Amino acid sequence: MTIESAILKNIEKLPDSVKNAVFLYTEFLASQYQKDTNQEPELIPEKSRLTGSMKGTFVLPLPDDFDEPLEELEEYM
């Protein structure tokens, strides 16, 4: 049994309202498939990265006790 005949066999068992919904869904799928096959792949231009281009952008004044353990973590040490 092919997939097409299995689908048709199952559709025959459904009420007409559900058959209509199945028809609309298959139309939607077919239109989406058609769009996908007709579209050319989008070319994304490669961005060149410059090493060191952000140097000096993020200058934060660090506190003197930056390297000291945090008080919240004393119980784990």
PDB file of N, CA and C in Angstrom:
ATOM      1  N   MET A   1       0.855  -1.171   0.000  1.00  0.00           N
ATOM      2  CA  MET A   1       0.000   0.000   0.000  1.00  0.00           C
ATOM      3  C   MET A   1       0.903   1.237   0.000  1.00  0.00           C
ATOM      4  N   THR A   2       0.629   2.131  -0.906  1.00  0.00           N
ATOM      5  CA  THR A   2       1.422   3.351  -0.974  1.00  0.00           C
ATOM      6  C   THR A   2       0.897   4.361   0.026  1.00  0.00           C
ATOM      7  N   ILE A   3       1.683   5.373   0.269  1.00  0.00           N
ATOM      8  CA  ILE A   3       1.271   6.407   1.224  1.00  0.00           C
ATOM      9  C   ILE A   3       0.031   7.144   0.731  1.00  0.00           C
ATOM     10  N   GLU A   4      -0.062   7.336  -0.587  1.00  0.00           N
ATOM     11  CA  GLU A   4      -1.227   8.032  -1.143  1.00  0.00           C
ATOM     12  C   GLU A   4      -2.510   7.240  -0.906  1.00  0.00           C
ATOM     13  N   SER A   5      -2.451   5.935  -1.126  1.00  0.00           N
ATOM     14  CA  SER A   5      -3.652   5.122  -0.924  1.00  0.00           C
ATOM     15  C   SER A   5      -4.012   5.033   0.558  1.00  0.00           C
ATOM     16  N   ALA A   6      -3.023   5.023   1.434  1.00  0.00           N
ATOM     17  CA  ALA A   6      -3.299   4.998   2.873  1.00  0.00           C
ATOM     18  C   ALA A   6      -3.954   6.299   3.315  1.00  0.00           C
ATOM     19  N   ILE A   7      -3.482   7.405   2.777  1.00  0.00           N
ATOM     20  CA  ILE A   7      -4.081   8.703   3.118  1.00  0.00           C
ATOM     21  C   ILE A   7      -5.520   8.758   2.628  1.00  0.00           C
ATOM     22  N   LEU A   8      -5.751   8.345   1.385  1.00  0.00           N
ATOM     23  CA  LEU A   8      -7.109   8.363   0.834  1.00  0.00           C
ATOM     24  C   LEU A   8      -8.040   7.447   1.619  1.00  0.00           C
ATOM     25  N   LYS A   9      -7.546   6.301   2.048  1.00  0.00           N
ATOM     26  CA  LYS A   9      -8.353   5.366   2.828  1.00  0.00           C
ATOM     27  C   LYS A   9      -8.775   6.002   4.152  1.00  0.00           C
ATOM     28  N   ASN A  10      -7.855   6.716   4.795  1.00  0.00           N
ATOM     29  CA  ASN A  10      -8.182   7.381   6.055  1.00  0.00           C
ATOM     30  C   ASN A  10      -9.125   8.554   5.839  1.00  0.00           C
ATOM     31  N   ILE A  11      -8.959   9.280   4.758  1.00  0.00           N
ATOM     32  CA  ILE A  11      -9.816  10.436   4.493  1.00  0.00           C
ATOM     33  C   ILE A  11     -11.250   9.990   4.234  1.00  0.00           C
ATOM     34  N   GLU A  12     -11.433   8.836   3.607  1.00  0.00           N
ATOM     35  CA  GLU A  12     -12.782   8.331   3.331  1.00  0.00           C
ATOM     36  C   GLU A  12     -13.568   8.090   4.613  1.00  0.00           C
ATOM     37  N   LYS A  13     -12.886   7.829   5.715  1.00  0.00           N
ATOM     38  CA  LYS A  13     -13.550   7.550   6.987  1.00  0.00           C
ATOM     39  C   LYS A  13     -13.998   8.821   7.707  1.00  0.00           C
ATOM     40  N   LEU A  14     -13.508   9.976   7.285  1.00  0.00           N
ATOM     41  CA  LEU A  14     -13.766  11.225   7.995  1.00  0.00           C
ATOM     42  C   LEU A  14     -15.092  11.848   7.585  1.00  0.00           C
ATOM     43  N   PRO A  15     -15.712  12.632   8.492  1.00  0.00           N
ATOM     44  CA  PRO A  15     -16.915  13.379   8.108  1.00  0.00           C
ATOM     45  C   PRO A  15     -16.550  14.511   7.142  1.00  0.00           C
ATOM     46  N   ASP A  16     -17.566  15.031   6.455  1.00  0.00           N
ATOM     47  CA  ASP A  16     -17.330  16.041   5.419  1.00  0.00           C
ATOM     48  C   ASP A  16     -16.667  17.305   5.959  1.00  0.00           C
ATOM     49  N   SER A  17     -17.007  17.713   7.169  1.00  0.00           N
ATOM     50  CA  SER A  17     -16.411  18.937   7.720  1.00  0.00           C
ATOM     51  C   SER A  17     -14.904  18.760   7.921  1.00  0.00           C
ATOM     52  N   VAL A  18     -14.511  17.589   8.351  1.00  0.00           N
ATOM     53  CA  VAL A  18     -13.088  17.320   8.561  1.00  0.00           C
ATOM     54  C   VAL A  18     -12.388  17.153   7.220  1.00  0.00           C
ATOM     55  N   LYS A  19     -13.083  16.568   6.245  1.00  0.00           N
ATOM     56  CA  LYS A  19     -12.510  16.443   4.907  1.00  0.00           C
ATOM     57  C   LYS A  19     -12.197  17.821   4.334  1.00  0.00           C
ATOM     58  N   ASN A  20     -13.095  18.780   4.581  1.00  0.00           N
ATOM     59  CA  ASN A  20     -12.862  20.148   4.112  1.00  0.00           C
ATOM     60  C   ASN A  20     -11.628  20.737   4.789  1.00  0.00           C
ATOM     61  N   ALA A  21     -11.469  20.500   6.075  1.00  0.00           N
ATOM     62  CA  ALA A  21     -10.299  21.003   6.794  1.00  0.00           C
ATOM     63  C   ALA A  21      -9.026  20.349   6.270  1.00  0.00           C
ATOM     64  N   VAL A  22      -9.086  19.065   5.968  1.00  0.00           N
ATOM     65  CA  VAL A  22      -7.927  18.363   5.412  1.00  0.00           C
ATOM     66  C   VAL A  22      -7.577  18.940   4.048  1.00  0.00           C
ATOM     67  N   PHE A  23      -8.601  19.207   3.241  1.00  0.00           N
ATOM     68  CA  PHE A  23      -8.366  19.796   1.924  1.00  0.00           C
ATOM     69  C   PHE A  23      -7.678  21.152   2.043  1.00  0.00           C
ATOM     70  N   LEU A  24      -8.190  22.004   2.934  1.00  0.00           N
ATOM     71  CA  LEU A  24      -7.592  23.332   3.107  1.00  0.00           C
ATOM     72  C   LEU A  24      -6.149  23.220   3.593  1.00  0.00           C
ATOM     73  N   TYR A  25      -5.896  22.280   4.486  1.00  0.00           N
ATOM     74  CA  TYR A  25      -4.540  22.109   4.999  1.00  0.00           C
ATOM     75  C   TYR A  25      -3.595  21.613   3.909  1.00  0.00           C
ATOM     76  N   THR A  26      -4.060  20.685   3.082  1.00  0.00           N
ATOM     77  CA  THR A  26      -3.196  20.210   1.998  1.00  0.00           C
ATOM     78  C   THR A  26      -2.940  21.305   0.976  1.00  0.00           C
ATOM     79  N   GLU A  27      -3.931  22.169   0.735  1.00  0.00           N
ATOM     80  CA  GLU A  27      -3.714  23.311  -0.156  1.00  0.00           C
ATOM     81  C   GLU A  27      -2.645  24.237   0.422  1.00  0.00           C
ATOM     82  N   PHE A  28      -2.720  24.467   1.727  1.00  0.00           N
ATOM     83  CA  PHE A  28      -1.728  25.307   2.391  1.00  0.00           C
ATOM     84  C   PHE A  28      -0.335  24.688   2.271  1.00  0.00           C
ATOM     85  N   LEU A  29      -0.226  23.399   2.545  1.00  0.00           N
ATOM     86  CA  LEU A  29       1.072  22.728   2.456  1.00  0.00           C
ATOM     87  C   LEU A  29       1.626  22.778   1.041  1.00  0.00           C
ATOM     88  N   ALA A  30       0.761  22.575   0.057  1.00  0.00           N
ATOM     89  CA  ALA A  30       1.215  22.604  -1.331  1.00  0.00           C
ATOM     90  C   ALA A  30       1.705  23.993  -1.710  1.00  0.00           C
ATOM     91  N   SER A  31       1.013  25.033  -1.243  1.00  0.00           N
ATOM     92  CA  SER A  31       1.450  26.397  -1.567  1.00  0.00           C
ATOM     93  C   SER A  31       2.768  26.724  -0.875  1.00  0.00           C
ATOM     94  N   GLN A  32       2.955  26.261   0.356  1.00  0.00           N
ATOM     95  CA  GLN A  32       4.214  26.492   1.057  1.00  0.00           C
ATOM     96  C   GLN A  32       5.352  25.748   0.379  1.00  0.00           C
ATOM     97  N   TYR A  33       5.096  24.533  -0.063  1.00  0.00           N
ATOM     98  CA  TYR A  33       6.119  23.754  -0.749  1.00  0.00           C
ATOM     99  C   TYR A  33       6.491  24.429  -2.061  1.00  0.00           C
ATOM    100  N   GLN A  34       5.491  24.952  -2.757  1.00  0.00           N
ATOM    101  CA  GLN A  34       5.743  25.629  -4.027  1.00  0.00           C
ATOM    102  C   GLN A  34       6.594  26.877  -3.804  1.00  0.00           C
ATOM    103  N   LYS A  35       6.310  27.628  -2.738  1.00  0.00           N
ATOM    104  CA  LYS A  35       7.096  28.828  -2.429  1.00  0.00           C
ATOM    105  C   LYS A  35       8.543  28.460  -2.127  1.00  0.00           C
ATOM    106  N   ASP A  36       8.720  27.387  -1.356  1.00  0.00           N
ATOM    107  CA  ASP A  36      10.069  26.980  -0.962  1.00  0.00           C
ATOM    108  C   ASP A  36      10.899  26.529  -2.154  1.00  0.00           C
ATOM    109  N   THR A  37      10.272  25.842  -3.097  1.00  0.00           N
ATOM    110  CA  THR A  37      11.035  25.335  -4.230  1.00  0.00           C
ATOM    111  C   THR A  37      11.329  26.423  -5.250  1.00  0.00           C
ATOM    112  N   ASN A  38      10.502  27.469  -5.288  1.00  0.00           N
ATOM    113  CA  ASN A  38      10.708  28.541  -6.262  1.00  0.00           C
ATOM    114  C   ASN A  38      11.675  29.604  -5.774  1.00  0.00           C
ATOM    115  N   GLN A  39      11.860  29.700  -4.476  1.00  0.00           N
ATOM    116  CA  GLN A  39      12.721  30.750  -3.941  1.00  0.00           C
ATOM    117  C   GLN A  39      14.182  30.407  -4.146  1.00  0.00           C
ATOM    118  N   GLU A  40      14.922  31.423  -4.492  1.00  0.00           N
ATOM    119  CA  GLU A  40      16.362  31.257  -4.558  1.00  0.00           C
ATOM    120  C   GLU A  40      16.915  31.437  -3.148  1.00  0.00           C
ATOM    121  N   PRO A  41      17.945  30.724  -2.809  1.00  0.00           N
ATOM    122  CA  PRO A  41      18.494  30.881  -1.460  1.00  0.00           C
ATOM    123  C   PRO A  41      19.027  32.297  -1.264  1.00  0.00           C
ATOM    124  N   GLU A  42      18.703  32.841  -0.106  1.00  0.00           N
ATOM    125  CA  GLU A  42      19.160  34.195   0.196  1.00  0.00           C
ATOM    126  C   GLU A  42      20.653  34.172   0.486  1.00  0.00           C
ATOM    127  N   LEU A  43      21.341  35.076  -0.140  1.00  0.00           N
ATOM    128  CA  LEU A  43      22.771  35.179   0.099  1.00  0.00           C
ATOM    129  C   LEU A  43      23.006  36.190   1.209  1.00  0.00           C
ATOM    130  N   ILE A  44      23.625  35.731   2.254  1.00  0.00           N
ATOM    131  CA  ILE A  44      23.930  36.597   3.388  1.00  0.00           C
ATOM    132  C   ILE A  44      25.368  37.060   3.226  1.00  0.00           C
ATOM    133  N   PRO A  45      25.551  38.363   3.115  1.00  0.00           N
ATOM    134  CA  PRO A  45      26.924  38.842   2.940  1.00  0.00           C
ATOM    135  C   PRO A  45      27.748  38.576   4.197  1.00  0.00           C
ATOM    136  N   GLU A  46      28.967  38.150   3.969  1.00  0.00           N
ATOM    137  CA  GLU A  46      29.848  37.898   5.102  1.00  0.00           C
ATOM    138  C   GLU A  46      30.359  39.223   5.642  1.00  0.00           C
ATOM    139  N   LYS A  47      30.320  39.342   6.934  1.00  0.00           N
ATOM    140  CA  LYS A  47      30.823  40.550   7.573  1.00  0.00           C
ATOM    141  C   LYS A  47      32.281  40.315   7.940  1.00  0.00           C
ATOM    142  N   SER A  48      33.091  41.241   7.549  1.00  0.00           N
ATOM    143  CA  SER A  48      34.498  41.102   7.912  1.00  0.00           C
ATOM    144  C   SER A  48      34.685  41.590   9.342  1.00  0.00           C
ATOM    145  N   ARG A  49      35.468  40.865  10.089  1.00  0.00           N
ATOM    146  CA  ARG A  49      35.711  41.210  11.483  1.00  0.00           C
ATOM    147  C   ARG A  49      37.118  41.762  11.604  1.00  0.00           C
ATOM    148  N   LEU A  50      37.203  42.862  12.269  1.00  0.00           N
ATOM    149  CA  LEU A  50      38.490  43.488  12.483  1.00  0.00           C
ATOM    150  C   LEU A  50      38.949  43.187  13.903  1.00  0.00           C
ATOM    151  N   THR A  51      40.105  42.611  14.038  1.00  0.00           N
ATOM    152  CA  THR A  51      40.634  42.303  15.355  1.00  0.00           C
ATOM    153  C   THR A  51      40.967  43.598  16.079  1.00  0.00           C
ATOM    154  N   GLY A  52      40.457  43.708  17.295  1.00  0.00           N
ATOM    155  CA  GLY A  52      40.752  44.877  18.112  1.00  0.00           C
ATOM    156  C   GLY A  52      39.912  46.092  17.790  1.00  0.00           C
ATOM    157  N   SER A  53      38.857  45.934  17.016  1.00  0.00           N
ATOM    158  CA  SER A  53      38.054  47.094  16.634  1.00  0.00           C
ATOM    159  C   SER A  53      37.240  47.648  17.801  1.00  0.00           C
ATOM    160  N   MET A  54      37.012  46.860  18.844  1.00  0.00           N
ATOM    161  CA  MET A  54      36.239  47.316  19.996  1.00  0.00           C
ATOM    162  C   MET A  54      37.129  47.729  21.166  1.00  0.00           C
ATOM    163  N   LYS A  55      38.425  47.763  20.952  1.00  0.00           N
ATOM    164  CA  LYS A  55      39.348  48.087  22.026  1.00  0.00           C
ATOM    165  C   LYS A  55      39.061  49.492  22.549  1.00  0.00           C
ATOM    166  N   GLY A  56      38.966  49.605  23.860  1.00  0.00           N
ATOM    167  CA  GLY A  56      38.718  50.890  24.492  1.00  0.00           C
ATOM    168  C   GLY A  56      37.252  51.266  24.573  1.00  0.00           C
ATOM    169  N   THR A  57      36.377  50.457  24.005  1.00  0.00           N
ATOM    170  CA  THR A  57      34.949  50.770  24.031  1.00  0.00           C
ATOM    171  C   THR A  57      34.356  50.525  25.410  1.00  0.00           C
ATOM    172  N   PHE A  58      34.754  49.442  26.040  1.00  0.00           N
ATOM    173  CA  PHE A  58      34.200  49.077  27.331  1.00  0.00           C
ATOM    174  C   PHE A  58      35.233  49.319  28.417  1.00  0.00           C
ATOM    175  N   VAL A  59      35.249  50.497  28.926  1.00  0.00           N
ATOM    176  CA  VAL A  59      36.170  50.838  30.002  1.00  0.00           C
ATOM    177  C   VAL A  59      35.327  51.017  31.253  1.00  0.00           C
ATOM    178  N   LEU A  60      35.514  50.123  32.193  1.00  0.00           N
ATOM    179  CA  LEU A  60      34.749  50.178  33.426  1.00  0.00           C
ATOM    180  C   LEU A  60      35.698  50.438  34.583  1.00  0.00           C
ATOM    181  N   PRO A  61      35.320  51.302  35.476  1.00  0.00           N
ATOM    182  CA  PRO A  61      36.160  51.457  36.668  1.00  0.00           C
ATOM    183  C   PRO A  61      35.923  50.267  37.597  1.00  0.00           C
ATOM    184  N   LEU A  62      36.936  49.443  37.750  1.00  0.00           N
ATOM    185  CA  LEU A  62      36.816  48.278  38.609  1.00  0.00           C
ATOM    186  C   LEU A  62      37.156  48.663  40.042  1.00  0.00           C
ATOM    187  N   PRO A  63      36.410  48.133  40.997  1.00  0.00           N
ATOM    188  CA  PRO A  63      36.719  48.444  42.393  1.00  0.00           C
ATOM    189  C   PRO A  63      38.049  47.806  42.802  1.00  0.00           C
ATOM    190  N   ASP A  64      38.628  48.342  43.863  1.00  0.00           N
ATOM    191  CA  ASP A  64      39.920  47.837  44.338  1.00  0.00           C
ATOM    192  C   ASP A  64      39.828  46.388  44.818  1.00  0.00           C
ATOM    193  N   ASP A  65      38.669  45.990  45.337  1.00  0.00           N
ATOM    194  CA  ASP A  65      38.524  44.626  45.851  1.00  0.00           C
ATOM    195  C   ASP A  65      37.883  43.689  44.811  1.00  0.00           C
ATOM    196  N   PHE A  66      38.111  43.954  43.563  1.00  0.00           N
ATOM    197  CA  PHE A  66      37.500  43.160  42.490  1.00  0.00           C
ATOM    198  C   PHE A  66      37.883  41.683  42.568  1.00  0.00           C
ATOM    199  N   ASP A  67      39.118  41.399  42.911  1.00  0.00           N
ATOM    200  CA  ASP A  67      39.590  40.018  42.955  1.00  0.00           C
ATOM    201  C   ASP A  67      39.319  39.328  44.290  1.00  0.00           C
ATOM    202  N   GLU A  68      38.763  40.023  45.249  1.00  0.00           N
ATOM    203  CA  GLU A  68      38.465  39.444  46.559  1.00  0.00           C
ATOM    204  C   GLU A  68      37.220  38.554  46.452  1.00  0.00           C
ATOM    205  N   PRO A  69      37.121  37.531  47.305  1.00  0.00           N
ATOM    206  CA  PRO A  69      35.931  36.666  47.290  1.00  0.00           C
ATOM    207  C   PRO A  69      34.674  37.450  47.670  1.00  0.00           C
ATOM    208  N   LEU A  70      33.563  37.066  47.108  1.00  0.00           N
ATOM    209  CA  LEU A  70      32.296  37.725  47.405  1.00  0.00           C
ATOM    210  C   LEU A  70      31.781  37.281  48.767  1.00  0.00           C
ATOM    211  N   GLU A  71      31.132  38.206  49.473  1.00  0.00           N
ATOM    212  CA  GLU A  71      30.606  37.895  50.798  1.00  0.00           C
ATOM    213  C   GLU A  71      29.515  36.826  50.715  1.00  0.00           C
ATOM    214  N   GLU A  72      28.748  36.838  49.635  1.00  0.00           N
ATOM    215  CA  GLU A  72      27.651  35.882  49.489  1.00  0.00           C
ATOM    216  C   GLU A  72      28.152  34.442  49.366  1.00  0.00           C
ATOM    217  N   LEU A  73      29.408  34.269  48.972  1.00  0.00           N
ATOM    218  CA  LEU A  73      29.935  32.926  48.753  1.00  0.00           C
ATOM    219  C   LEU A  73      30.838  32.443  49.877  1.00  0.00           C
ATOM    220  N   GLU A  74      30.921  33.177  50.991  1.00  0.00           N
ATOM    221  CA  GLU A  74      31.815  32.797  52.089  1.00  0.00           C
ATOM    222  C   GLU A  74      31.450  31.443  52.681  1.00  0.00           C
ATOM    223  N   GLU A  75      30.162  31.125  52.756  1.00  0.00           N
ATOM    224  CA  GLU A  75      29.748  29.851  53.360  1.00  0.00           C
ATOM    225  C   GLU A  75      30.161  28.650  52.513  1.00  0.00           C
ATOM    226  N   TYR A  76      30.458  28.843  51.256  1.00  0.00           N
ATOM    227  CA  TYR A  76      30.870  27.742  50.379  1.00  0.00           C
ATOM    228  C   TYR A  76      32.381  27.554  50.353  1.00  0.00           C
ATOM    229  N   MET A  77      33.132  28.450  50.947  1.00  0.00           N
ATOM    230  CA  MET A  77      34.590  28.371  50.910  1.00  0.00           C
ATOM    231  C   MET A  77      35.124  27.673  52.133  1.00  0.00           C
TER     232      MET A  77
END
